[in-house]
Amino acid sequence: MTTKHPSDSDGLCRDCSATVPRAARHCPACAAPRILFHDEINSLSIAHIDCDSFYASVEKRDDPTLRDEPVIVGGGRRGVVSAACYVARIRGVHSAMPMFKALKLCPDATVIKPNMEKYSAVGRQIRELMREITPLIEPLSIDEAFMDLTGTERLHRASPAQSMIRLANRIEREIGVTASIGLSYNKFLAKLASDIDKPRGFAVIGQAEAVGFLNTLPVTHIWGVGKSLHKKLVADGIQTIGQLRAHDPDRLVARYGAIGHRLARFSRGEDHRTVIPQSLPKSLSSETTFSEDIGDRDKIVQRLWTLCEKVTDQMKVRKLAGRTVTVKLKSAQFKTITRSQSLSAPTQLAETLYRAAIPLLDRAIDAAPAGSKYRLIGVGLSSFVDPLEADPPDLADPDANHRKKVEAVIDQVRGKLGHNAIGKGRAVPRSGKPARKSPYDR
């Protein structure tokens, strides 16, 4: 059955995507009351899709007894909130909040440790549904992306708005989580729109109302306006996007540097960025927050190997190799110390990452006051290249090829029997035993 395309006077049913006459309060096809009306609904094709409280939604999907309960996904009392369901958000809990504060606000919440493998798998399922609509998908995270639906009307016999309604409904029906959609004529406004009507939202910002919509929004809604720039803007008497628009673009550039161009364009509802398919992440990393502050260097080193494996597992799945190694330490006083170094050749091996990370860890510890304790360690790889360039033979290191073969065997066994089927001895906690002095044990 061919769906009738909406005219400028029609609306769309959010439940079945059928066209709805302007005067109707319910869909004539399915009687649903969720109707979307907008005068520019036929001319907009840039969408932003964002799953609602994704991690918590996946956990509620997998445990229906939690459906109406507050759920927080995060790392114990000393960690931070990775995601909070909307029940918990009503009580003031939000992402990146320290867990102890979240539990004060919502003491009856069910706290679940993040399961990134599960969330990534669900994210890939959602991405496949997106690809059935358009190849022009620019992921921002595992549950969020820009989509350009220009020219898809003939293929799907539906307007971009109808196609996005159908996508959101398929995600909810087939995957079991909900998503919110923003539709506009550029990426900046599409992303703003997706936040208007959460959860299960669909909001539209057209050219006619864009400038008026932006007028009273805080300047922090512009991508790139962080704490430092925001402080400077406020000191200059600029708190809203409308106030920003009143300034000459050349003066904004002179005052704030290159970002002044973006401030001027975005304040006028202009964004010429295109949707770039499959953009690569700038880095891949893994970190852990300790259950208690740790001051012993060897105990911190013991946590490093598992993190290195997690990073390089991601590298192998994404078919990437990285050249720059970064180690992050966060002190008990929440001060962050990072140290980075470029490798002589790119890698996707956990062993190579581990060996490069240990000297960086030592440099980070040396930079801190004597006797410091730490609450978090992280390690990452960046400066990505094709994996064919990774881990070449090294005449100065005759054992390098052996280590590469050992890791390949471990990966092969884990692929068949699961991650816990095999591993290196350093991954096993040595309770009651002193740490070995050499970090390069096999």
Protein backbone atom coordinates (compact mmCIF):
# COMPACT_ATOMS: atom_id res chain seq x y z
CA MET A 1 0.00 0.00 0.00
CA THR A 2 1.42 3.41 -0.99
CA THR A 3 1.38 6.05 1.72
CA LYS A 4 -0.05 9.39 0.65
CA HIS A 5 2.56 12.15 0.86
CA PRO A 6 1.52 14.96 3.18
CA SER A 7 0.73 18.38 1.78
CA ASP A 8 1.75 21.56 3.58
CA SER A 9 -1.60 21.47 5.38
CA ASP A 10 -1.30 17.84 6.47
CA GLY A 11 0.24 16.35 9.57
CA LEU A 12 1.78 12.94 10.23
CA CYS A 13 0.72 10.27 12.68
CA ARG A 14 3.59 9.46 15.02
CA ASP A 15 2.32 5.90 15.46
CA CYS A 16 1.69 4.76 11.87
CA SER A 17 3.20 7.61 9.75
CA ALA A 18 -0.09 8.13 7.87
CA THR A 19 -1.06 11.62 6.73
CA VAL A 20 -3.53 13.47 8.93
CA PRO A 21 -5.67 16.46 7.91
CA ARG A 22 -4.81 19.69 9.70
CA ALA A 23 -8.08 19.87 11.64
CA ALA A 24 -7.92 16.26 12.89
CA ARG A 25 -7.13 15.46 16.52
CA HIS A 26 -6.64 11.74 15.93
CA CYS A 27 -5.16 9.72 13.11
CA PRO A 28 -7.92 8.58 10.72
CA ALA A 29 -5.95 5.41 9.99
CA CYS A 30 -5.15 4.15 13.52
CA ALA A 31 -6.97 6.61 15.84
CA ALA A 32 -3.72 7.51 17.65
CA PRO A 33 -3.54 11.01 19.16
CA ARG A 34 0.20 11.63 18.55
CA ILE A 35 0.10 13.93 15.52
CA LEU A 36 2.99 15.97 14.12
CA PHE A 37 2.15 19.21 12.29
CA HIS A 38 4.63 21.60 10.69
CA ASP A 39 4.39 23.89 7.67
CA GLU A 40 7.86 22.84 6.39
CA ILE A 41 7.48 19.13 7.02
CA ASN A 42 7.99 18.29 3.32
CA SER A 43 11.13 20.37 2.79
CA LEU A 44 13.36 19.19 5.69
CA SER A 45 15.71 16.23 5.36
CA ILE A 46 18.50 16.51 7.97
CA ALA A 47 17.72 14.42 11.06
CA HIS A 48 19.32 13.75 14.41
CA ILE A 49 18.33 10.58 16.24
CA ASP A 50 19.16 9.98 19.89
CA CYS A 51 18.07 6.96 21.91
CA ASP A 52 16.44 7.87 25.22
CA SER A 53 18.61 7.13 28.26
CA PHE A 54 20.15 4.36 26.18
CA TYR A 55 22.09 2.26 28.71
CA ALA A 56 19.29 2.37 31.28
CA SER A 57 16.69 1.60 28.59
CA VAL A 58 18.58 -1.51 27.50
CA GLU A 59 18.76 -2.70 31.11
CA LYS A 60 15.02 -2.13 31.59
CA ARG A 61 14.33 -3.99 28.38
CA ASP A 62 16.31 -6.97 29.65
CA ASP A 63 14.68 -6.92 33.09
CA PRO A 64 10.98 -5.97 32.82
CA THR A 65 10.66 -5.85 36.62
CA LEU A 66 12.63 -2.58 36.46
CA ARG A 67 10.24 -0.94 34.00
CA ASP A 68 8.74 1.60 36.43
CA GLU A 69 11.69 1.71 38.84
CA PRO A 70 14.56 4.23 39.02
CA VAL A 71 17.63 2.76 37.33
CA ILE A 72 21.16 4.16 37.35
CA VAL A 73 23.91 2.70 35.22
CA GLY A 74 27.31 3.46 36.72
CA GLY A 75 30.30 2.29 38.69
CA GLY A 76 29.50 1.77 42.34
CA ARG A 77 29.56 4.42 45.05
CA ARG A 78 32.95 5.82 43.95
CA GLY A 79 32.15 5.97 40.24
CA VAL A 80 30.00 8.30 38.21
CA VAL A 81 26.61 7.98 36.56
CA SER A 82 26.88 6.71 33.00
CA ALA A 83 23.12 6.90 32.40
CA ALA A 84 19.96 7.43 34.42
CA CYS A 85 16.45 6.47 33.41
CA TYR A 86 13.79 9.18 33.33
CA VAL A 87 12.37 8.10 36.69
CA ALA A 88 15.77 8.83 38.26
CA ARG A 89 16.20 12.02 36.22
CA ILE A 90 13.00 13.46 37.67
CA ARG A 91 14.71 13.25 41.05
CA GLY A 92 17.73 15.20 39.79
CA VAL A 93 20.10 12.41 38.75
CA HIS A 94 22.06 13.03 35.55
CA SER A 95 24.98 11.64 33.57
CA ALA A 96 28.51 12.32 34.92
CA MET A 97 27.15 12.96 38.44
CA PRO A 98 29.22 11.31 41.20
CA MET A 99 27.46 8.14 42.29
CA PHE A 100 27.30 9.09 45.96
CA LYS A 101 25.37 12.25 45.05
CA ALA A 102 23.04 10.31 42.77
CA LEU A 103 22.23 7.83 45.55
CA LYS A 104 21.48 10.65 47.96
CA LEU A 105 18.94 12.01 45.50
CA CYS A 106 17.56 8.59 44.62
CA PRO A 107 18.42 6.08 47.38
CA ASP A 108 15.97 3.46 46.11
CA ALA A 109 17.53 3.29 42.64
CA THR A 110 18.74 0.02 41.19
CA VAL A 111 22.41 0.52 40.28
CA ILE A 112 23.74 -1.57 37.40
CA LYS A 113 27.37 -1.82 36.31
CA PRO A 114 27.81 -0.76 32.66
CA ASN A 115 27.98 -3.58 30.11
CA MET A 116 29.56 -1.88 27.10
CA GLU A 117 29.68 -5.05 25.01
CA LYS A 118 25.91 -5.41 25.30
CA TYR A 119 25.23 -1.73 24.59
CA SER A 120 27.54 -1.77 21.57
CA ALA A 121 25.76 -4.82 20.17
CA VAL A 122 22.37 -3.10 20.52
CA GLY A 123 23.83 0.04 18.97
CA ARG A 124 24.97 -1.95 15.94
CA GLN A 125 21.45 -3.35 15.52
CA ILE A 126 20.05 0.17 15.54
CA ARG A 127 22.67 1.32 13.04
CA GLU A 128 21.61 -1.43 10.65
CA LEU A 129 18.02 -0.15 10.76
CA MET A 130 19.32 3.34 9.96
CA ARG A 131 21.20 2.03 6.93
CA GLU A 132 17.98 0.69 5.46
CA ILE A 133 16.83 4.31 5.14
CA THR A 134 19.99 6.13 4.00
CA PRO A 135 23.73 5.47 3.68
CA LEU A 136 24.41 9.03 4.84
CA ILE A 137 24.77 8.35 8.57
CA GLU A 138 27.23 10.18 10.81
CA PRO A 139 27.49 8.41 14.18
CA LEU A 140 28.17 10.53 17.25
CA SER A 141 28.05 7.61 19.70
CA ILE A 142 26.69 4.07 19.79
CA ASP A 143 23.12 5.37 20.16
CA GLU A 144 23.18 8.75 18.42
CA ALA A 145 23.67 9.89 14.82
CA PHE A 146 22.98 12.48 12.16
CA MET A 147 21.16 11.27 9.04
CA ASP A 148 20.76 12.96 5.66
CA LEU A 149 17.60 11.75 3.91
CA THR A 150 17.84 14.03 0.90
CA GLY A 151 16.57 12.22 -2.20
CA THR A 152 15.14 9.20 -0.37
CA GLU A 153 11.49 10.01 -1.10
CA ARG A 154 11.29 7.97 -4.31
CA LEU A 155 13.12 4.99 -2.79
CA HIS A 156 10.88 4.71 0.27
CA ARG A 157 7.74 6.32 -1.18
CA ALA A 158 7.74 8.49 1.90
CA SER A 159 8.94 11.90 2.98
CA PRO A 160 12.04 12.11 5.22
CA ALA A 161 9.75 12.86 8.17
CA GLN A 162 7.66 9.76 7.48
CA SER A 163 10.80 7.62 7.13
CA MET A 164 12.14 8.85 10.49
CA ILE A 165 8.81 8.13 12.18
CA ARG A 166 8.94 4.60 10.82
CA LEU A 167 12.55 4.21 11.97
CA ALA A 168 11.78 5.31 15.53
CA ASN A 169 8.84 2.91 15.68
CA ARG A 170 10.93 0.01 14.33
CA ILE A 171 13.62 0.66 16.92
CA GLU A 172 11.02 0.58 19.69
CA ARG A 173 9.22 -2.47 18.31
CA GLU A 174 12.18 -4.61 17.21
CA ILE A 175 15.02 -3.49 19.50
CA GLY A 176 13.00 -2.61 22.60
CA VAL A 177 14.32 0.90 23.32
CA THR A 178 12.89 4.31 22.44
CA ALA A 179 14.43 7.15 20.43
CA SER A 180 13.83 10.85 19.93
CA ILE A 181 14.10 12.57 16.55
CA GLY A 182 15.01 16.10 15.54
CA LEU A 183 14.35 17.23 11.95
CA SER A 184 15.58 20.45 10.37
CA TYR A 185 17.54 21.91 7.45
CA ASN A 186 20.99 21.56 9.07
CA LYS A 187 22.85 19.52 11.68
CA PHE A 188 23.02 22.19 14.38
CA LEU A 189 19.26 22.71 14.47
CA ALA A 190 18.42 19.01 14.04
CA LYS A 191 20.43 18.19 17.16
CA LEU A 192 18.75 20.96 19.13
CA ALA A 193 15.35 19.70 17.96
CA SER A 194 15.96 16.16 19.20
CA ASP A 195 16.22 17.47 22.78
CA ILE A 196 12.92 19.36 22.72
CA ASP A 197 10.46 16.51 23.26
CA LYS A 198 12.21 13.64 25.07
CA PRO A 199 11.49 10.78 25.54
CA ARG A 200 9.86 9.30 22.40
CA GLY A 201 9.94 12.75 20.87
CA PHE A 202 9.83 14.11 17.34
CA ALA A 203 10.44 17.85 16.97
CA VAL A 204 10.89 20.00 13.88
CA ILE A 205 12.71 23.33 13.45
CA GLY A 206 12.07 24.97 10.11
CA GLN A 207 13.70 27.99 8.51
CA ALA A 208 10.76 30.24 9.31
CA GLU A 209 11.08 29.88 13.10
CA ALA A 210 14.80 29.10 13.48
CA VAL A 211 16.02 32.57 14.42
CA GLY A 212 13.15 33.13 16.85
CA PHE A 213 13.72 29.72 18.42
CA LEU A 214 17.41 30.48 18.98
CA ASN A 215 16.87 33.94 20.48
CA THR A 216 16.54 33.01 24.16
CA LEU A 217 18.67 29.86 24.21
CA PRO A 218 21.89 30.07 26.30
CA VAL A 219 25.07 30.32 24.22
CA THR A 220 26.13 26.97 25.70
CA HIS A 221 23.74 25.32 23.21
CA ILE A 222 26.29 26.10 20.48
CA TRP A 223 28.69 23.20 19.94
CA GLY A 224 32.20 24.24 21.01
CA VAL A 225 31.17 26.69 23.74
CA GLY A 226 32.78 25.11 26.77
CA LYS A 227 33.32 26.48 30.28
CA SER A 228 36.21 28.76 29.35
CA LEU A 229 34.56 30.36 26.32
CA HIS A 230 31.22 30.60 28.13
CA LYS A 231 32.85 32.50 30.96
CA LYS A 232 34.41 34.90 28.47
CA LEU A 233 31.13 35.43 26.61
CA VAL A 234 29.21 36.13 29.82
CA ALA A 235 31.90 38.59 30.92
CA ASP A 236 31.32 40.37 27.61
CA GLY A 237 27.57 40.55 28.28
CA ILE A 238 26.62 37.72 25.91
CA GLN A 239 24.45 35.08 27.57
CA THR A 240 21.93 34.15 24.89
CA ILE A 241 22.23 33.25 21.21
CA GLY A 242 20.07 36.28 20.38
CA GLN A 243 22.56 38.56 22.08
CA LEU A 244 25.36 36.86 20.17
CA ARG A 245 23.61 37.49 16.84
CA ALA A 246 23.63 41.22 17.49
CA HIS A 247 27.44 41.32 17.18
CA ASP A 248 29.28 41.79 13.91
CA PRO A 249 30.85 38.49 12.72
CA ASP A 250 34.28 40.12 12.15
CA ARG A 251 34.28 41.45 15.71
CA LEU A 252 33.42 37.98 17.03
CA VAL A 253 36.40 36.51 15.17
CA ALA A 254 38.69 39.28 16.41
CA ARG A 255 37.54 38.73 19.99
CA TYR A 256 37.21 34.93 20.20
CA GLY A 257 39.42 33.61 17.42
CA ALA A 258 38.45 31.07 14.73
CA ILE A 259 35.41 29.85 16.66
CA GLY A 260 33.94 33.31 16.13
CA HIS A 261 32.95 32.21 12.61
CA ARG A 262 30.89 29.37 14.06
CA LEU A 263 29.33 31.62 16.70
CA ALA A 264 28.19 34.04 14.03
CA ARG A 265 26.82 31.37 11.66
CA PHE A 266 25.06 29.26 14.26
CA SER A 267 23.48 32.31 15.91
CA ARG A 268 21.76 32.95 12.56
CA GLY A 269 20.64 29.35 12.16
CA GLU A 270 23.33 28.68 9.52
CA ASP A 271 25.35 25.46 9.48
CA HIS A 272 27.00 24.34 6.25
CA ARG A 273 28.48 21.10 7.61
CA THR A 274 27.43 18.02 5.69
CA VAL A 275 26.56 14.63 7.14
CA ILE A 276 29.78 12.64 6.90
CA PRO A 277 29.15 8.85 6.85
CA GLN A 278 31.01 6.62 9.30
CA SER A 279 33.25 9.28 10.78
CA LEU A 280 36.02 7.69 12.83
CA PRO A 281 36.44 8.40 16.53
CA LYS A 282 39.44 10.55 17.36
CA SER A 283 40.53 8.09 20.04
CA LEU A 284 39.56 4.87 21.77
CA SER A 285 40.11 4.49 25.49
CA SER A 286 39.15 2.57 28.60
CA GLU A 287 39.30 3.57 32.24
CA THR A 288 38.40 2.27 35.67
CA THR A 289 37.59 3.95 38.98
CA PHE A 290 39.12 2.20 42.00
CA SER A 291 36.89 1.11 44.87
CA GLU A 292 39.44 2.78 47.18
CA ASP A 293 42.13 5.37 46.47
CA ILE A 294 45.44 3.68 45.58
CA GLY A 295 48.89 5.12 46.25
CA ASP A 296 50.98 2.05 45.43
CA ARG A 297 52.39 2.20 41.90
CA ASP A 298 52.54 -1.58 41.43
CA LYS A 299 48.88 -1.97 42.36
CA ILE A 300 47.98 0.63 39.76
CA VAL A 301 50.07 -1.22 37.14
CA GLN A 302 48.09 -4.40 37.88
CA ARG A 303 44.92 -2.61 36.69
CA LEU A 304 46.54 -1.45 33.47
CA TRP A 305 46.63 -4.71 31.50
CA THR A 306 42.87 -5.27 31.41
CA LEU A 307 42.34 -1.72 30.20
CA CYS A 308 44.89 -2.20 27.42
CA GLU A 309 43.08 -5.35 26.27
CA LYS A 310 39.74 -3.52 26.20
CA VAL A 311 41.19 -0.73 24.06
CA THR A 312 42.87 -3.02 21.55
CA ASP A 313 39.80 -5.27 21.36
CA GLN A 314 37.92 -2.18 20.18
CA MET A 315 40.71 -1.39 17.71
CA LYS A 316 40.53 -4.85 16.17
CA VAL A 317 36.73 -4.81 15.88
CA ARG A 318 36.84 -1.40 14.17
CA LYS A 319 39.82 -2.43 12.01
CA LEU A 320 42.00 0.44 13.23
CA ALA A 321 45.56 0.88 14.42
CA GLY A 322 46.78 3.73 16.62
CA ARG A 323 50.09 5.53 16.91
CA THR A 324 49.62 7.76 19.98
CA VAL A 325 49.35 6.28 23.49
CA THR A 326 47.77 8.29 26.30
CA VAL A 327 47.61 7.46 30.01
CA LYS A 328 45.31 9.32 32.39
CA LEU A 329 45.43 9.40 36.17
CA LYS A 330 42.90 11.15 38.43
CA SER A 331 44.02 11.91 41.95
CA ALA A 332 41.95 11.58 45.11
CA GLN A 333 41.52 15.37 44.86
CA PHE A 334 40.02 14.93 41.34
CA LYS A 335 43.05 16.45 39.60
CA THR A 336 43.65 14.81 36.21
CA ILE A 337 47.16 14.13 34.89
CA THR A 338 47.67 12.89 31.32
CA ARG A 339 50.81 11.84 29.50
CA SER A 340 51.06 10.92 25.80
CA GLN A 341 53.69 9.55 23.45
CA SER A 342 53.79 8.56 19.78
CA LEU A 343 54.98 5.05 18.92
CA SER A 344 57.57 4.38 16.24
CA ALA A 345 54.91 2.33 14.42
CA PRO A 346 51.12 2.12 14.85
CA THR A 347 49.71 -0.81 16.80
CA GLN A 348 46.56 -2.70 17.63
CA LEU A 349 48.26 -5.09 20.09
CA ALA A 350 47.50 -5.03 23.82
CA GLU A 351 51.08 -6.02 24.65
CA THR A 352 52.55 -3.10 22.72
CA LEU A 353 50.08 -0.68 24.28
CA TYR A 354 50.83 -2.03 27.76
CA ARG A 355 54.59 -1.68 27.36
CA ALA A 356 54.25 1.88 26.10
CA ALA A 357 51.75 2.85 28.79
CA ILE A 358 53.87 1.90 31.81
CA PRO A 359 56.57 4.58 31.30
CA LEU A 360 53.81 7.13 30.74
CA LEU A 361 52.16 6.01 33.98
CA ASP A 362 55.46 6.50 35.80
CA ARG A 363 55.81 9.98 34.31
CA ALA A 364 52.30 10.85 35.44
CA ILE A 365 53.01 9.63 38.98
CA ASP A 366 56.30 11.56 39.06
CA ALA A 367 54.43 14.74 38.11
CA ALA A 368 52.15 14.45 41.15
CA PRO A 369 53.07 15.47 44.70
CA ALA A 370 54.86 12.77 46.70
CA GLY A 371 52.48 10.44 48.49
CA SER A 372 49.55 11.12 46.18
CA LYS A 373 46.76 8.60 45.89
CA TYR A 374 44.63 7.99 42.84
CA ARG A 375 40.98 7.16 42.20
CA LEU A 376 41.05 6.43 38.44
CA ILE A 377 43.35 5.22 35.68
CA GLY A 378 42.70 5.27 31.95
CA VAL A 379 44.61 4.37 28.80
CA GLY A 380 43.88 5.15 25.16
CA LEU A 381 45.08 5.07 21.57
CA SER A 382 44.66 7.76 18.91
CA SER A 383 46.17 8.95 15.59
CA PHE A 384 44.46 6.14 13.69
CA VAL A 385 45.76 4.55 10.48
CA ASP A 386 44.96 1.51 8.36
CA PRO A 387 45.62 -1.74 10.32
CA LEU A 388 47.79 -2.98 7.44
CA GLU A 389 50.40 -0.52 8.71
CA ALA A 390 50.26 -1.91 12.26
CA ASP A 391 52.97 -3.77 14.14
CA PRO A 392 55.59 -4.26 11.39
CA PRO A 393 58.63 -6.50 11.99
CA ASP A 394 61.22 -4.86 14.22
CA LEU A 395 64.85 -5.98 13.87
CA ALA A 396 65.66 -4.24 17.14
CA ASP A 397 63.05 -6.36 18.94
CA PRO A 398 63.33 -10.01 17.82
CA ASP A 399 60.58 -11.12 20.26
CA ALA A 400 57.99 -8.74 18.77
CA ASN A 401 56.79 -11.25 16.16
CA HIS A 402 56.42 -13.95 18.83
CA ARG A 403 54.26 -11.64 20.98
CA LYS A 404 52.14 -10.81 17.96
CA LYS A 405 51.51 -14.52 17.26
CA VAL A 406 50.67 -15.19 20.92
CA GLU A 407 48.08 -12.42 20.92
CA ALA A 408 46.60 -13.70 17.67
CA VAL A 409 46.16 -17.15 19.22
CA ILE A 410 44.50 -15.64 22.31
CA ASP A 411 42.10 -13.68 20.10
CA GLN A 412 41.29 -16.80 18.11
CA VAL A 413 40.50 -18.87 21.20
CA ARG A 414 38.38 -16.10 22.70
CA GLY A 415 36.48 -15.78 19.44
CA LYS A 416 35.41 -19.42 19.76
CA LEU A 417 35.10 -19.92 23.51
CA GLY A 418 34.55 -16.46 24.98
CA HIS A 419 36.74 -13.77 26.50
CA ASN A 420 37.39 -15.60 29.77
CA ALA A 421 38.58 -18.80 28.08
CA ILE A 422 42.22 -17.72 27.95
CA GLY A 423 44.41 -14.86 29.06
CA LYS A 424 47.82 -13.82 30.32
CA GLY A 425 48.92 -14.41 33.87
CA ARG A 426 49.17 -10.72 34.65
CA ALA A 427 45.37 -10.45 34.29
CA VAL A 428 44.91 -12.61 37.40
CA PRO A 429 44.86 -10.61 40.68
CA ARG A 430 47.76 -11.53 42.94
CA SER A 431 46.05 -11.23 46.33
CA GLY A 432 48.49 -11.52 49.15
CA LYS A 433 51.52 -11.61 46.87
CA PRO A 434 53.87 -8.76 46.11
CA ALA A 435 53.71 -7.45 42.54
CA ARG A 436 56.53 -8.50 40.26
CA LYS A 437 59.10 -5.81 39.66
CA SER A 438 59.09 -6.33 35.89
CA PRO A 439 55.92 -5.17 34.15
CA TYR A 440 56.75 -7.20 31.06
CA ASP A 441 55.90 -10.66 32.36
CA ARG A 442 54.45 -12.95 29.68
